[in-house]
Amino acid sequence: MPKSARHKVSAGKKFDVITVPQNILLIRLKSIGDVVFTLPAVNVVRENFPTAKISFLTSQENAPLVAGFRGLDEIIPLDRAQMRQRNPFKSVPPFFSLLHRLQNGHFDLVVDFQGYGETAWLTRLTGAHQRWGSLYRPGSRWAYTLGVQRDDRLHHAERSLAVLAAGGLKISTLRNEFYLPATSLAEARAWLAAKRLDPSKPLIYLQPFTSTPHKNWPFENYLSLARHWQARHVQIIMGGGPADRPYLEQAQQLGCVIPERLPRLTDAGLMKLSNLIIGGDTGFLHLAVALGKRVIMLVNPLVSSNAGPFGHPEWTIAPPPNQPIADIPLEKLITTMGAALAETGSGN
């Protein structure tokens, strides 16, 4: 690990590398971006234990996403909404079903990349001999045999790697590679054909929306981007969710193509087929990086510290120091996009 990835380790016995685990459980429940950030760590675990069975516990909505992690053998989806219901007849049975599955998994090693109270309890309830965790709060130390104090100076992906390094795992090469199923890519191609998009022309995917409004660059700037590149015969896809529909209708009126109600991996296929992806600090942009795509991420370091494109800090654009993200100049992004399109061989 680089010097920047130094970490504090809580009291507890380190992993005995002589005892090779046969069953490993990795835990990260949410959100999309944070789950994607565990991908390099998953690959490190697989490289260290090539014959082990590796399972991944995640929220049900992220299970299709984790299917793109080639180092895994099993995905355990958790319906958190069902287990949080106040009616015990609806919440208790799925909890005991999960508990039975975790305890009967006979895990030798559990790694909790999230480190929240919920995941700390799940880690402890596995009964695994070795339980490693990222300590989001000191109070969760009891759940682990090896707790690593979270270092907020590290990139989010490096925080997961720091837990593995503390356990003695060898980290030689970092592979942030997401496997997109061929069926999802085929569905994306079919969708583009149905929308009459020309595969011979450049295609830009704009993702204006993040989980937090103050991380969003002004939407009218994205509309200006669309107008600029459409005038240069570049095709525009603009993504968003149901709550963003009033904004997306404006983009649709400009001739932008809007993916609606597509499966998550089909939408990922659209990014895979795009020449360039633009947006803020959002899970889909981080997924695009793992897909090997060229992205430009608009980030305010005061809000999204250490959450830029993993391995490519040069792909970020930030506002002037101590200024909001809205102060990123439109002209600067247009110039950067032109250079990025030229890199991909689709310059205009």
Protein backbone atom coordinates (compact mmCIF):
# COMPACT_ATOMS: atom_id res chain seq x y z
CA MET A 1 0.00 0.00 0.00
CA PRO A 2 1.22 3.55 -0.64
CA LYS A 3 2.18 5.79 2.26
CA SER A 4 -1.15 7.53 1.90
CA ALA A 5 -2.86 4.27 2.80
CA ARG A 6 -1.43 3.89 6.27
CA HIS A 7 -3.95 2.81 8.84
CA LYS A 8 -4.52 2.21 12.51
CA VAL A 9 -5.27 -1.32 13.66
CA SER A 10 -7.28 -2.02 16.78
CA ALA A 11 -6.32 -4.64 19.31
CA GLY A 12 -6.97 -8.10 18.00
CA LYS A 13 -5.21 -11.11 16.56
CA LYS A 14 -3.96 -10.75 12.99
CA PHE A 15 -4.88 -13.29 10.39
CA ASP A 16 -2.76 -16.41 10.34
CA VAL A 17 -1.69 -16.57 6.70
CA ILE A 18 -0.69 -20.22 7.17
CA THR A 19 -4.34 -21.13 7.69
CA VAL A 20 -5.81 -20.60 4.26
CA PRO A 21 -9.55 -19.81 4.46
CA GLN A 22 -11.88 -21.97 2.40
CA ASN A 23 -15.04 -19.87 2.84
CA ILE A 24 -14.87 -16.08 2.80
CA LEU A 25 -17.68 -13.56 3.23
CA LEU A 26 -17.32 -9.94 2.13
CA ILE A 27 -19.87 -7.33 3.24
CA ARG A 28 -20.87 -4.01 1.72
CA LEU A 29 -24.59 -3.27 1.69
CA LYS A 30 -24.82 0.14 0.02
CA SER A 31 -24.67 2.37 -1.99
CA ILE A 32 -23.90 1.89 -5.70
CA GLY A 33 -20.67 3.87 -5.67
CA ASP A 34 -19.44 2.43 -2.38
CA VAL A 35 -20.18 -1.11 -3.56
CA VAL A 36 -18.25 -0.45 -6.79
CA PHE A 37 -15.35 0.88 -4.72
CA THR A 38 -14.91 -2.57 -3.15
CA LEU A 39 -14.16 -4.11 -6.56
CA PRO A 40 -10.34 -3.75 -6.33
CA ALA A 41 -10.44 -5.27 -2.84
CA VAL A 42 -12.56 -8.21 -4.05
CA ASN A 43 -9.96 -8.90 -6.72
CA VAL A 44 -7.17 -8.76 -4.13
CA VAL A 45 -8.98 -11.33 -1.98
CA ARG A 46 -9.36 -13.61 -5.00
CA GLU A 47 -5.67 -13.26 -5.91
CA ASN A 48 -4.62 -14.16 -2.38
CA PHE A 49 -7.04 -17.10 -2.09
CA PRO A 50 -7.61 -18.48 -5.61
CA THR A 51 -9.32 -21.69 -4.45
CA ALA A 52 -11.57 -20.25 -1.73
CA LYS A 53 -15.31 -19.82 -2.05
CA ILE A 54 -15.96 -16.08 -1.84
CA SER A 55 -19.45 -14.78 -1.04
CA PHE A 56 -20.65 -11.17 -1.01
CA LEU A 57 -23.47 -9.88 1.20
CA THR A 58 -25.13 -6.76 -0.20
CA SER A 59 -28.50 -5.00 -0.32
CA GLN A 60 -30.99 -6.66 -2.62
CA GLU A 61 -31.06 -3.72 -5.03
CA ASN A 62 -27.27 -3.98 -5.51
CA ALA A 63 -27.19 -7.74 -6.12
CA PRO A 64 -27.40 -7.40 -9.95
CA LEU A 65 -24.49 -4.96 -9.81
CA VAL A 66 -22.30 -7.31 -7.77
CA ALA A 67 -22.90 -9.96 -10.44
CA GLY A 68 -20.28 -8.06 -12.43
CA PHE A 69 -17.58 -8.86 -9.85
CA ARG A 70 -15.82 -11.82 -11.46
CA GLY A 71 -13.93 -12.77 -8.32
CA LEU A 72 -17.08 -13.90 -6.51
CA ASP A 73 -18.71 -17.32 -6.27
CA GLU A 74 -21.91 -16.34 -4.48
CA ILE A 75 -24.06 -13.26 -3.88
CA ILE A 76 -26.23 -13.07 -0.77
CA PRO A 77 -28.93 -10.39 -1.24
CA LEU A 78 -30.35 -8.69 1.83
CA ASP A 79 -33.85 -7.20 1.73
CA ARG A 80 -33.23 -4.47 4.28
CA ALA A 81 -36.68 -2.92 3.83
CA GLN A 82 -38.39 -6.18 4.73
CA MET A 83 -36.25 -6.71 7.81
CA ARG A 84 -36.94 -3.17 9.03
CA GLN A 85 -40.70 -3.54 9.03
CA ARG A 86 -42.36 -2.90 12.37
CA ASN A 87 -44.58 -5.94 12.01
CA PRO A 88 -42.52 -8.76 13.63
CA PHE A 89 -44.36 -11.39 11.62
CA LYS A 90 -42.85 -9.85 8.50
CA SER A 91 -39.42 -8.81 9.80
CA VAL A 92 -38.39 -11.66 12.12
CA PRO A 93 -38.66 -14.65 9.72
CA PRO A 94 -36.32 -13.14 7.07
CA PHE A 95 -33.86 -12.17 9.82
CA PHE A 96 -33.63 -15.72 11.11
CA SER A 97 -33.41 -17.00 7.54
CA LEU A 98 -30.42 -14.73 6.95
CA LEU A 99 -28.89 -15.70 10.29
CA HIS A 100 -29.22 -19.38 9.40
CA ARG A 101 -27.56 -18.77 6.04
CA LEU A 102 -24.68 -16.82 7.56
CA GLN A 103 -23.99 -19.31 10.32
CA ASN A 104 -24.30 -22.29 8.02
CA GLY A 105 -21.92 -20.75 5.53
CA HIS A 106 -19.07 -21.93 7.79
CA PHE A 107 -17.07 -18.84 6.97
CA ASP A 108 -13.44 -18.85 8.03
CA LEU A 109 -12.98 -15.17 7.27
CA VAL A 110 -15.48 -12.29 7.12
CA VAL A 111 -14.47 -8.82 5.93
CA ASP A 112 -16.86 -5.96 6.64
CA PHE A 113 -15.93 -3.13 4.27
CA GLN A 114 -18.76 -0.92 5.54
CA GLY A 115 -18.24 -0.89 9.29
CA TYR A 116 -21.66 0.40 10.33
CA GLY A 117 -23.50 -0.94 13.36
CA GLU A 118 -25.75 -3.08 11.17
CA THR A 119 -22.88 -4.73 9.32
CA ALA A 120 -20.83 -5.09 12.51
CA TRP A 121 -23.65 -7.15 14.03
CA LEU A 122 -23.96 -9.28 10.90
CA THR A 123 -20.21 -9.88 10.95
CA ARG A 124 -20.23 -10.97 14.58
CA LEU A 125 -23.25 -13.22 14.10
CA THR A 126 -21.47 -15.29 11.45
CA GLY A 127 -19.35 -16.81 14.19
CA ALA A 128 -16.33 -16.73 11.87
CA HIS A 129 -12.93 -17.27 13.50
CA GLN A 130 -11.48 -14.24 11.70
CA ARG A 131 -13.58 -11.08 11.40
CA TRP A 132 -12.04 -7.98 9.91
CA GLY A 133 -13.75 -4.64 9.70
CA SER A 134 -13.39 -0.99 8.81
CA LEU A 135 -14.07 0.95 11.99
CA TYR A 136 -16.51 3.67 11.04
CA ARG A 137 -17.02 4.31 14.75
CA PRO A 138 -14.86 3.02 17.65
CA GLY A 139 -17.93 1.47 19.28
CA SER A 140 -18.06 -1.31 16.66
CA ARG A 141 -14.61 -2.68 17.57
CA TRP A 142 -16.17 -5.47 19.63
CA ALA A 143 -17.48 -7.17 16.49
CA TYR A 144 -14.08 -7.81 14.94
CA THR A 145 -10.94 -9.76 15.64
CA LEU A 146 -9.16 -7.16 13.51
CA GLY A 147 -10.50 -3.62 13.31
CA VAL A 148 -8.94 -0.97 11.10
CA GLN A 149 -9.66 2.66 11.90
CA ARG A 150 -11.13 4.33 8.83
CA ASP A 151 -8.80 6.94 7.40
CA ASP A 152 -10.83 9.66 5.71
CA ARG A 153 -7.70 10.87 3.91
CA LEU A 154 -7.79 7.76 1.73
CA HIS A 155 -9.79 7.29 -1.42
CA HIS A 156 -12.92 5.25 -0.68
CA ALA A 157 -11.52 2.26 -2.57
CA GLU A 158 -8.26 2.46 -0.63
CA ARG A 159 -10.13 2.21 2.66
CA SER A 160 -11.24 -1.31 1.77
CA LEU A 161 -7.72 -2.18 0.63
CA ALA A 162 -6.35 -0.89 3.95
CA VAL A 163 -8.40 -3.51 5.83
CA LEU A 164 -6.91 -6.27 3.70
CA ALA A 165 -3.39 -4.91 4.07
CA ALA A 166 -3.79 -4.83 7.86
CA GLY A 167 -4.74 -8.50 7.73
CA GLY A 168 -1.52 -9.36 5.95
CA LEU A 169 -2.84 -9.90 2.45
CA LYS A 170 -0.47 -9.22 -0.43
CA ILE A 171 -1.52 -6.30 -2.61
CA SER A 172 0.54 -6.27 -5.77
CA THR A 173 -1.61 -5.07 -8.64
CA LEU A 174 -4.93 -3.27 -8.40
CA ARG A 175 -7.64 -4.35 -10.83
CA ASN A 176 -10.72 -2.15 -10.98
CA GLU A 177 -12.44 -4.19 -13.68
CA PHE A 178 -16.18 -4.67 -13.87
CA TYR A 179 -17.49 -7.53 -16.01
CA LEU A 180 -20.57 -6.55 -18.00
CA PRO A 181 -22.60 -9.61 -19.04
CA ALA A 182 -22.90 -10.06 -22.81
CA THR A 183 -26.69 -10.09 -22.50
CA SER A 184 -26.68 -6.62 -20.92
CA LEU A 185 -24.45 -5.25 -23.66
CA ALA A 186 -26.70 -6.79 -26.30
CA GLU A 187 -29.76 -5.22 -24.67
CA ALA A 188 -28.00 -1.85 -24.71
CA ARG A 189 -27.18 -2.22 -28.41
CA ALA A 190 -30.80 -3.10 -29.15
CA TRP A 191 -32.01 -0.07 -27.18
CA LEU A 192 -29.70 2.26 -29.12
CA ALA A 193 -30.93 0.78 -32.39
CA ALA A 194 -34.56 1.22 -31.33
CA LYS A 195 -33.84 4.88 -30.57
CA ARG A 196 -32.23 5.21 -34.03
CA LEU A 197 -28.87 6.29 -32.69
CA ASP A 198 -26.08 5.98 -35.24
CA PRO A 199 -23.21 3.75 -34.02
CA SER A 200 -20.84 5.51 -36.43
CA LYS A 201 -21.32 8.87 -34.67
CA PRO A 202 -19.86 9.92 -31.28
CA LEU A 203 -22.07 9.32 -28.26
CA ILE A 204 -21.88 11.16 -24.93
CA TYR A 205 -23.67 10.00 -21.79
CA LEU A 206 -24.58 12.83 -19.40
CA GLN A 207 -25.50 11.97 -15.79
CA PRO A 208 -26.42 15.31 -14.16
CA PHE A 209 -27.87 13.97 -10.91
CA THR A 210 -26.21 12.70 -7.75
CA SER A 211 -27.57 11.54 -4.42
CA THR A 212 -27.16 15.02 -2.93
CA PRO A 213 -28.28 18.23 -4.65
CA HIS A 214 -25.27 20.26 -3.50
CA LYS A 215 -23.02 17.84 -5.43
CA ASN A 216 -24.87 18.64 -8.67
CA TRP A 217 -23.55 21.00 -11.31
CA PRO A 218 -26.43 23.28 -12.46
CA PHE A 219 -28.78 21.42 -14.77
CA GLU A 220 -29.01 24.32 -17.21
CA ASN A 221 -25.28 23.86 -17.80
CA TYR A 222 -25.89 20.29 -18.87
CA LEU A 223 -28.51 21.55 -21.32
CA SER A 224 -25.94 23.99 -22.69
CA LEU A 225 -23.48 21.10 -23.06
CA ALA A 226 -26.07 19.12 -24.97
CA ARG A 227 -26.76 22.01 -27.35
CA HIS A 228 -23.05 22.57 -27.94
CA TRP A 229 -22.25 18.98 -28.86
CA GLN A 230 -25.44 18.32 -30.78
CA ALA A 231 -24.48 21.24 -33.05
CA ARG A 232 -21.30 19.24 -33.75
CA HIS A 233 -23.21 16.06 -34.63
CA VAL A 234 -22.58 14.33 -31.32
CA GLN A 235 -25.43 12.19 -29.96
CA ILE A 236 -26.48 12.74 -26.34
CA ILE A 237 -27.92 10.34 -23.78
CA MET A 238 -29.03 11.90 -20.50
CA GLY A 239 -29.61 9.66 -17.52
CA GLY A 240 -31.61 10.11 -14.35
CA GLY A 241 -34.30 8.58 -12.18
CA PRO A 242 -38.07 8.97 -11.84
CA ALA A 243 -37.65 11.96 -9.51
CA ASP A 244 -35.64 13.73 -12.20
CA ARG A 245 -38.37 13.43 -14.81
CA PRO A 246 -39.28 17.18 -14.95
CA TYR A 247 -35.65 17.96 -15.82
CA LEU A 248 -35.30 15.10 -18.27
CA GLU A 249 -38.33 16.31 -20.19
CA GLN A 250 -36.41 19.51 -20.92
CA ALA A 251 -33.50 17.49 -22.22
CA GLN A 252 -35.83 15.35 -24.31
CA GLN A 253 -37.21 18.46 -25.97
CA LEU A 254 -33.65 19.28 -27.08
CA GLY A 255 -33.35 15.88 -28.73
CA CYS A 256 -31.45 14.10 -25.96
CA VAL A 257 -32.30 10.41 -25.63
CA ILE A 258 -33.51 9.40 -22.17
CA PRO A 259 -33.13 5.84 -20.85
CA GLU A 260 -36.20 5.07 -18.76
CA ARG A 261 -36.90 2.05 -16.57
CA LEU A 262 -33.98 0.09 -17.94
CA PRO A 263 -32.33 -2.65 -15.89
CA ARG A 264 -29.28 -1.27 -14.14
CA LEU A 265 -26.84 -3.36 -16.14
CA THR A 266 -28.50 -2.44 -19.44
CA ASP A 267 -27.98 1.19 -18.51
CA ALA A 268 -24.36 0.29 -17.73
CA GLY A 269 -24.21 -1.15 -21.24
CA LEU A 270 -25.20 2.25 -22.62
CA MET A 271 -22.23 3.77 -20.84
CA LYS A 272 -20.00 1.01 -22.19
CA LEU A 273 -21.09 1.91 -25.73
CA SER A 274 -20.62 5.65 -25.17
CA ASN A 275 -17.44 7.50 -26.05
CA LEU A 276 -17.50 9.73 -23.00
CA ILE A 277 -19.42 9.89 -19.71
CA ILE A 278 -19.91 13.18 -17.84
CA GLY A 279 -21.38 13.76 -14.39
CA GLY A 280 -20.84 14.34 -10.72
CA ASP A 281 -19.79 12.10 -7.83
CA THR A 282 -22.35 9.37 -8.40
CA GLY A 283 -22.27 5.60 -8.42
CA PHE A 284 -22.85 5.32 -12.15
CA LEU A 285 -19.78 7.43 -12.93
CA HIS A 286 -17.67 5.19 -10.70
CA LEU A 287 -19.14 2.17 -12.46
CA ALA A 288 -18.17 3.70 -15.80
CA VAL A 289 -14.57 3.94 -14.60
CA ALA A 290 -14.64 0.24 -13.67
CA LEU A 291 -16.03 -0.47 -17.15
CA GLY A 292 -12.87 1.06 -18.58
CA LYS A 293 -14.60 4.14 -19.96
CA ARG A 294 -13.28 7.67 -20.20
CA VAL A 295 -15.15 9.88 -17.76
CA ILE A 296 -15.04 13.48 -16.64
CA MET A 297 -16.27 13.92 -13.08
CA LEU A 298 -17.30 17.27 -11.68
CA VAL A 299 -16.32 17.23 -8.02
CA ASN A 300 -16.20 19.76 -5.20
CA PRO A 301 -13.37 18.54 -2.90
CA LEU A 302 -15.08 20.21 0.06
CA VAL A 303 -18.10 17.92 -0.41
CA SER A 304 -16.77 14.78 -2.15
CA SER A 305 -13.31 14.37 -0.68
CA ASN A 306 -11.32 11.38 -1.94
CA ALA A 307 -14.15 10.07 -4.10
CA GLY A 308 -12.93 10.88 -7.58
CA PRO A 309 -12.44 8.36 -10.41
CA PHE A 310 -10.32 5.62 -8.83
CA GLY A 311 -6.90 5.48 -10.42
CA HIS A 312 -7.59 8.56 -12.54
CA PRO A 313 -7.54 11.73 -10.43
CA GLU A 314 -6.76 13.67 -13.60
CA TRP A 315 -10.28 12.94 -14.84
CA THR A 316 -11.84 15.35 -12.33
CA ILE A 317 -12.73 19.00 -12.74
CA ALA A 318 -13.09 21.05 -9.56
CA PRO A 319 -14.27 24.60 -8.94
CA PRO A 320 -11.84 27.30 -7.76
CA PRO A 321 -10.73 26.81 -4.13
CA ASN A 322 -13.50 27.24 -1.57
CA GLN A 323 -16.11 27.80 -4.26
CA PRO A 324 -19.30 25.78 -4.97
CA ILE A 325 -19.47 23.26 -7.79
CA ALA A 326 -21.66 25.69 -9.76
CA ASP A 327 -18.55 27.82 -10.31
CA ILE A 328 -16.98 25.25 -12.64
CA PRO A 329 -16.93 27.16 -15.95
CA LEU A 330 -18.92 25.69 -18.81
CA GLU A 331 -16.16 26.59 -21.24
CA LYS A 332 -13.59 24.65 -19.22
CA LEU A 333 -15.68 21.50 -19.38
CA ILE A 334 -16.31 21.90 -23.12
CA THR A 335 -12.57 22.21 -23.74
CA THR A 336 -11.82 19.19 -21.55
CA MET A 337 -14.51 17.15 -23.28
CA GLY A 338 -13.05 18.00 -26.69
CA ALA A 339 -9.64 16.75 -25.60
CA ALA A 340 -11.16 13.59 -24.08
CA LEU A 341 -13.11 12.84 -27.27
CA ALA A 342 -9.89 13.21 -29.22
CA GLU A 343 -8.27 10.67 -26.88
CA THR A 344 -10.99 8.16 -27.68
CA GLY A 345 -10.62 8.74 -31.42
CA SER A 346 -13.98 10.47 -31.73
CA GLY A 347 -12.97 14.13 -31.65
CA ASN A 348 -15.17 16.84 -33.08
